Amino acid sequence: MRSPTFNDLLGFQPPVIKGSRCSQSALATAGYWAVQKGHALSLRPQRAGVLRVGRGRVWVSLVGPHGHSPTDSGDWVGLPGQTLSIAAGQHAVVEALDSCDASLAWDFA
């Protein structure tokens, strides 16, 4: 039995924007998925995992549980190589912050 892909887990197909300054092929690094500038990606994983930033900067807003400390607002800005743990069923909204697109990978915990 094959392992589920990012698309299987999230039910997501990266959108294609004609005329984008960033080529889709440049973003489609093996094992990573594009998040295009100006688009949000809504995640609600069935199993806990780790979101890994491959390219660009991303802003992730988590919907509970968070706020256990003054520095835990539920918002996270990720840079290439950084990771964020997301609990099973936790809702996360991801957006690209740079003028170009970002790329993400998902690993099950």
N, C-alpha and C. Protein backbone atom coordinates (compact mmCIF):
# COMPACT_ATOMS: atom_id res chain seq x y z
N MET A 1 0.84 -1.18 0.00
CA MET A 1 0.00 0.00 0.00
C MET A 1 0.89 1.24 0.00
N ARG A 2 0.58 2.19 -0.86
CA ARG A 2 1.41 3.39 -0.94
C ARG A 2 1.09 4.36 0.20
N SER A 3 2.06 5.18 0.54
CA SER A 3 1.85 6.22 1.55
C SER A 3 1.01 7.33 0.93
N PRO A 4 0.16 7.97 1.74
CA PRO A 4 -0.65 9.07 1.20
C PRO A 4 0.25 10.24 0.79
N THR A 5 -0.13 10.90 -0.28
CA THR A 5 0.61 12.07 -0.73
C THR A 5 0.05 13.31 -0.05
N PHE A 6 0.74 14.43 -0.24
CA PHE A 6 0.28 15.72 0.27
C PHE A 6 -1.13 16.00 -0.26
N ASN A 7 -1.35 15.71 -1.55
CA ASN A 7 -2.67 15.93 -2.14
C ASN A 7 -3.72 15.05 -1.50
N ASP A 8 -3.40 13.77 -1.24
CA ASP A 8 -4.34 12.86 -0.59
C ASP A 8 -4.72 13.39 0.79
N LEU A 9 -3.72 13.81 1.54
CA LEU A 9 -3.92 14.26 2.90
C LEU A 9 -4.79 15.51 2.96
N LEU A 10 -4.54 16.44 2.07
CA LEU A 10 -5.17 17.74 2.16
C LEU A 10 -6.28 17.97 1.14
N GLY A 11 -6.38 17.07 0.16
CA GLY A 11 -7.37 17.27 -0.88
C GLY A 11 -7.07 18.53 -1.69
N PHE A 12 -5.80 18.80 -1.94
CA PHE A 12 -5.36 20.05 -2.54
C PHE A 12 -4.63 19.81 -3.84
N GLN A 13 -4.97 20.59 -4.85
CA GLN A 13 -4.21 20.64 -6.10
C GLN A 13 -3.70 22.06 -6.22
N PRO A 14 -2.39 22.28 -6.36
CA PRO A 14 -1.89 23.64 -6.47
C PRO A 14 -2.54 24.37 -7.64
N PRO A 15 -3.03 25.60 -7.41
CA PRO A 15 -3.64 26.33 -8.51
C PRO A 15 -2.59 26.76 -9.53
N VAL A 16 -3.00 26.92 -10.76
CA VAL A 16 -2.10 27.38 -11.80
C VAL A 16 -2.60 28.74 -12.26
N ILE A 17 -1.74 29.74 -12.22
CA ILE A 17 -2.11 31.08 -12.64
C ILE A 17 -1.34 31.39 -13.92
N LYS A 18 -2.05 31.63 -15.00
CA LYS A 18 -1.39 31.96 -16.26
C LYS A 18 -0.74 33.32 -16.15
N GLY A 19 0.45 33.43 -16.69
CA GLY A 19 1.16 34.70 -16.68
C GLY A 19 1.88 34.98 -15.38
N SER A 20 1.93 34.02 -14.47
CA SER A 20 2.65 34.21 -13.21
C SER A 20 4.13 34.43 -13.48
N ARG A 21 4.75 35.34 -12.74
CA ARG A 21 6.17 35.61 -12.91
C ARG A 21 7.00 34.41 -12.47
N CYS A 22 6.47 33.54 -11.67
CA CYS A 22 7.19 32.39 -11.15
C CYS A 22 6.72 31.16 -11.90
N SER A 23 7.63 30.43 -12.48
CA SER A 23 7.23 29.25 -13.22
C SER A 23 6.87 28.12 -12.27
N GLN A 24 5.86 27.38 -12.60
CA GLN A 24 5.41 26.26 -11.78
C GLN A 24 6.52 25.22 -11.66
N SER A 25 7.28 25.01 -12.74
CA SER A 25 8.33 23.99 -12.70
C SER A 25 9.43 24.36 -11.72
N ALA A 26 9.70 25.64 -11.57
CA ALA A 26 10.74 26.07 -10.62
C ALA A 26 10.30 25.81 -9.19
N LEU A 27 9.00 25.83 -8.95
CA LEU A 27 8.49 25.63 -7.60
C LEU A 27 8.24 24.17 -7.27
N ALA A 28 8.08 23.36 -8.28
CA ALA A 28 7.71 21.96 -8.07
C ALA A 28 8.94 21.13 -7.72
N THR A 29 9.65 21.54 -6.70
CA THR A 29 10.79 20.79 -6.20
C THR A 29 10.27 19.44 -5.70
N ALA A 30 11.01 18.39 -5.94
CA ALA A 30 10.56 17.05 -5.56
C ALA A 30 10.12 17.01 -4.10
N GLY A 31 8.90 16.56 -3.86
CA GLY A 31 8.38 16.41 -2.51
C GLY A 31 7.77 17.68 -1.94
N TYR A 32 7.77 18.77 -2.68
CA TYR A 32 7.22 20.04 -2.20
C TYR A 32 6.06 20.47 -3.08
N TRP A 33 5.17 21.28 -2.51
CA TRP A 33 4.00 21.77 -3.22
C TRP A 33 3.99 23.29 -3.17
N ALA A 34 3.56 23.91 -4.27
CA ALA A 34 3.55 25.36 -4.37
C ALA A 34 2.36 25.97 -3.65
N VAL A 35 2.61 27.11 -3.01
CA VAL A 35 1.55 27.97 -2.48
C VAL A 35 1.76 29.30 -3.18
N GLN A 36 0.83 29.67 -4.02
CA GLN A 36 1.01 30.87 -4.83
C GLN A 36 0.65 32.13 -4.07
N LYS A 37 1.43 33.17 -4.31
CA LYS A 37 1.20 34.48 -3.71
C LYS A 37 -0.22 34.91 -4.01
N GLY A 38 -0.92 35.40 -3.00
CA GLY A 38 -2.29 35.86 -3.18
C GLY A 38 -3.33 34.78 -2.96
N HIS A 39 -2.89 33.54 -2.68
CA HIS A 39 -3.80 32.42 -2.43
C HIS A 39 -3.54 31.88 -1.03
N ALA A 40 -4.59 31.42 -0.38
CA ALA A 40 -4.45 30.78 0.92
C ALA A 40 -4.69 29.29 0.77
N LEU A 41 -3.98 28.52 1.56
CA LEU A 41 -4.13 27.07 1.59
C LEU A 41 -4.67 26.70 2.97
N SER A 42 -5.81 26.06 3.02
CA SER A 42 -6.43 25.66 4.28
C SER A 42 -6.11 24.19 4.53
N LEU A 43 -5.49 23.90 5.67
CA LEU A 43 -5.10 22.54 6.04
C LEU A 43 -5.87 22.10 7.27
N ARG A 44 -6.31 20.85 7.27
CA ARG A 44 -6.92 20.23 8.44
C ARG A 44 -6.52 18.75 8.39
N PRO A 45 -5.26 18.46 8.76
CA PRO A 45 -4.76 17.09 8.61
C PRO A 45 -5.49 16.09 9.49
N GLN A 46 -5.66 14.89 8.98
CA GLN A 46 -6.30 13.82 9.75
C GLN A 46 -5.34 13.21 10.75
N ARG A 47 -4.03 13.34 10.47
CA ARG A 47 -3.00 12.84 11.39
C ARG A 47 -2.03 13.97 11.69
N ALA A 48 -1.47 13.97 12.89
CA ALA A 48 -0.49 14.99 13.26
C ALA A 48 0.70 14.92 12.32
N GLY A 49 1.32 16.06 12.08
CA GLY A 49 2.47 16.09 11.20
C GLY A 49 3.27 17.36 11.35
N VAL A 50 4.22 17.49 10.44
CA VAL A 50 5.12 18.63 10.46
C VAL A 50 5.11 19.28 9.08
N LEU A 51 4.83 20.58 9.06
CA LEU A 51 4.87 21.37 7.84
C LEU A 51 6.27 21.93 7.69
N ARG A 52 6.90 21.73 6.53
CA ARG A 52 8.28 22.17 6.29
C ARG A 52 8.28 23.20 5.16
N VAL A 53 8.92 24.34 5.39
CA VAL A 53 9.02 25.38 4.36
C VAL A 53 10.22 25.06 3.48
N GLY A 54 9.99 24.97 2.18
CA GLY A 54 11.07 24.68 1.25
C GLY A 54 11.62 25.93 0.59
N ARG A 55 10.74 26.82 0.20
CA ARG A 55 11.13 28.04 -0.51
C ARG A 55 10.21 29.18 -0.10
N GLY A 56 10.76 30.39 -0.05
CA GLY A 56 9.96 31.56 0.28
C GLY A 56 9.66 31.64 1.77
N ARG A 57 8.87 32.63 2.11
CA ARG A 57 8.39 32.78 3.49
C ARG A 57 6.90 32.53 3.51
N VAL A 58 6.42 31.90 4.57
CA VAL A 58 4.98 31.65 4.70
C VAL A 58 4.48 32.18 6.03
N TRP A 59 3.22 32.54 6.03
CA TRP A 59 2.52 32.95 7.24
C TRP A 59 1.47 31.88 7.50
N VAL A 60 1.51 31.29 8.68
CA VAL A 60 0.56 30.25 9.06
C VAL A 60 -0.26 30.75 10.24
N SER A 61 -1.57 30.71 10.11
CA SER A 61 -2.48 31.03 11.21
C SER A 61 -3.11 29.73 11.68
N LEU A 62 -2.93 29.42 12.96
CA LEU A 62 -3.48 28.20 13.54
C LEU A 62 -4.75 28.53 14.30
N VAL A 63 -5.75 27.68 14.11
CA VAL A 63 -7.00 27.80 14.85
C VAL A 63 -6.92 26.82 16.00
N GLY A 64 -6.79 27.28 17.23
CA GLY A 64 -6.72 26.52 18.46
C GLY A 64 -6.08 25.15 18.34
N PRO A 65 -5.59 24.59 19.40
CA PRO A 65 -5.36 25.31 20.65
C PRO A 65 -4.05 26.09 20.59
N HIS A 66 -4.10 27.31 21.04
CA HIS A 66 -2.91 28.14 21.18
C HIS A 66 -3.23 29.22 22.19
N GLY A 67 -2.29 30.13 22.41
CA GLY A 67 -2.53 31.20 23.36
C GLY A 67 -2.21 30.85 24.80
N HIS A 68 -1.39 29.80 24.99
CA HIS A 68 -1.04 29.40 26.35
C HIS A 68 0.00 30.31 26.98
N SER A 69 0.64 31.15 26.16
CA SER A 69 1.61 32.12 26.67
C SER A 69 1.47 33.40 25.85
N PRO A 70 1.98 34.52 26.35
CA PRO A 70 1.85 35.78 25.61
C PRO A 70 2.51 35.75 24.23
N THR A 71 3.51 34.89 24.03
CA THR A 71 4.18 34.83 22.73
C THR A 71 3.54 33.82 21.78
N ASP A 72 2.50 33.12 22.23
CA ASP A 72 1.85 32.09 21.42
C ASP A 72 0.51 32.62 20.90
N SER A 73 0.57 33.37 19.80
CA SER A 73 -0.64 34.00 19.26
C SER A 73 -1.40 33.12 18.29
N GLY A 74 -0.76 32.04 17.85
CA GLY A 74 -1.38 31.19 16.83
C GLY A 74 -0.94 31.55 15.43
N ASP A 75 -0.13 32.61 15.30
CA ASP A 75 0.42 32.99 14.01
C ASP A 75 1.90 32.65 14.00
N TRP A 76 2.38 32.18 12.84
CA TRP A 76 3.78 31.77 12.70
C TRP A 76 4.28 32.16 11.33
N VAL A 77 5.46 32.77 11.27
CA VAL A 77 6.11 33.07 10.00
C VAL A 77 7.26 32.09 9.84
N GLY A 78 7.24 31.33 8.76
CA GLY A 78 8.25 30.31 8.52
C GLY A 78 9.17 30.68 7.38
N LEU A 79 10.44 30.37 7.57
CA LEU A 79 11.48 30.60 6.57
C LEU A 79 11.93 29.26 6.00
N PRO A 80 12.61 29.25 4.86
CA PRO A 80 13.08 27.99 4.30
C PRO A 80 13.85 27.14 5.31
N GLY A 81 13.47 25.87 5.38
CA GLY A 81 14.12 24.94 6.31
C GLY A 81 13.45 24.85 7.66
N GLN A 82 12.59 25.80 8.00
CA GLN A 82 11.92 25.75 9.30
C GLN A 82 10.70 24.84 9.23
N THR A 83 10.31 24.33 10.40
CA THR A 83 9.18 23.41 10.48
C THR A 83 8.19 23.87 11.54
N LEU A 84 6.95 23.42 11.39
CA LEU A 84 5.88 23.71 12.35
C LEU A 84 5.08 22.44 12.55
N SER A 85 4.91 22.03 13.80
CA SER A 85 4.09 20.86 14.11
C SER A 85 2.63 21.27 14.12
N ILE A 86 1.80 20.43 13.50
CA ILE A 86 0.36 20.68 13.45
C ILE A 86 -0.34 19.42 13.95
N ALA A 87 -1.23 19.60 14.90
CA ALA A 87 -1.95 18.47 15.51
C ALA A 87 -3.01 17.93 14.56
N ALA A 88 -3.38 16.68 14.75
CA ALA A 88 -4.46 16.08 13.97
C ALA A 88 -5.73 16.89 14.18
N GLY A 89 -6.39 17.26 13.09
CA GLY A 89 -7.64 18.01 13.17
C GLY A 89 -7.48 19.50 13.37
N GLN A 90 -6.26 19.96 13.65
CA GLN A 90 -6.04 21.39 13.87
C GLN A 90 -6.12 22.11 12.52
N HIS A 91 -6.82 23.22 12.49
CA HIS A 91 -6.98 23.99 11.26
C HIS A 91 -5.85 24.99 11.14
N ALA A 92 -5.17 24.98 9.99
CA ALA A 92 -4.09 25.92 9.71
C ALA A 92 -4.34 26.55 8.35
N VAL A 93 -4.14 27.86 8.26
CA VAL A 93 -4.26 28.58 7.00
C VAL A 93 -2.87 29.10 6.64
N VAL A 94 -2.40 28.77 5.43
CA VAL A 94 -1.04 29.10 5.00
C VAL A 94 -1.10 30.06 3.82
N GLU A 95 -0.27 31.10 3.88
CA GLU A 95 -0.16 32.07 2.78
C GLU A 95 1.30 32.33 2.49
N ALA A 96 1.63 32.57 1.21
CA ALA A 96 2.99 32.96 0.82
C ALA A 96 3.15 34.45 1.13
N LEU A 97 4.31 34.82 1.69
CA LEU A 97 4.55 36.22 2.05
C LEU A 97 5.39 36.99 1.05
N ASP A 98 6.22 36.31 0.29
CA ASP A 98 7.13 37.01 -0.62
C ASP A 98 6.42 37.38 -1.92
N SER A 99 7.13 38.13 -2.76
CA SER A 99 6.56 38.55 -4.05
C SER A 99 6.39 37.36 -4.99
N CYS A 100 7.05 36.26 -4.68
CA CYS A 100 6.92 35.05 -5.47
C CYS A 100 6.23 33.98 -4.62
N ASP A 101 6.08 32.80 -5.15
CA ASP A 101 5.40 31.72 -4.45
C ASP A 101 6.30 31.06 -3.42
N ALA A 102 5.71 30.25 -2.58
CA ALA A 102 6.44 29.47 -1.59
C ALA A 102 6.20 28.00 -1.86
N SER A 103 7.01 27.14 -1.23
CA SER A 103 6.78 25.70 -1.36
C SER A 103 6.82 25.07 0.03
N LEU A 104 6.02 24.01 0.18
CA LEU A 104 5.85 23.33 1.46
C LEU A 104 5.94 21.83 1.28
N ALA A 105 6.36 21.16 2.34
CA ALA A 105 6.31 19.70 2.40
C ALA A 105 5.60 19.30 3.67
N TRP A 106 5.05 18.10 3.68
CA TRP A 106 4.33 17.59 4.84
C TRP A 106 4.92 16.23 5.22
N ASP A 107 5.25 16.08 6.49
CA ASP A 107 5.73 14.79 7.03
C ASP A 107 4.82 14.40 8.18
N PHE A 108 4.37 13.14 8.19
CA PHE A 108 3.57 12.67 9.32
C PHE A 108 4.44 12.58 10.56
N ALA A 109 3.85 12.89 11.70
CA ALA A 109 4.60 12.83 12.97
C ALA A 109 4.78 11.40 13.40
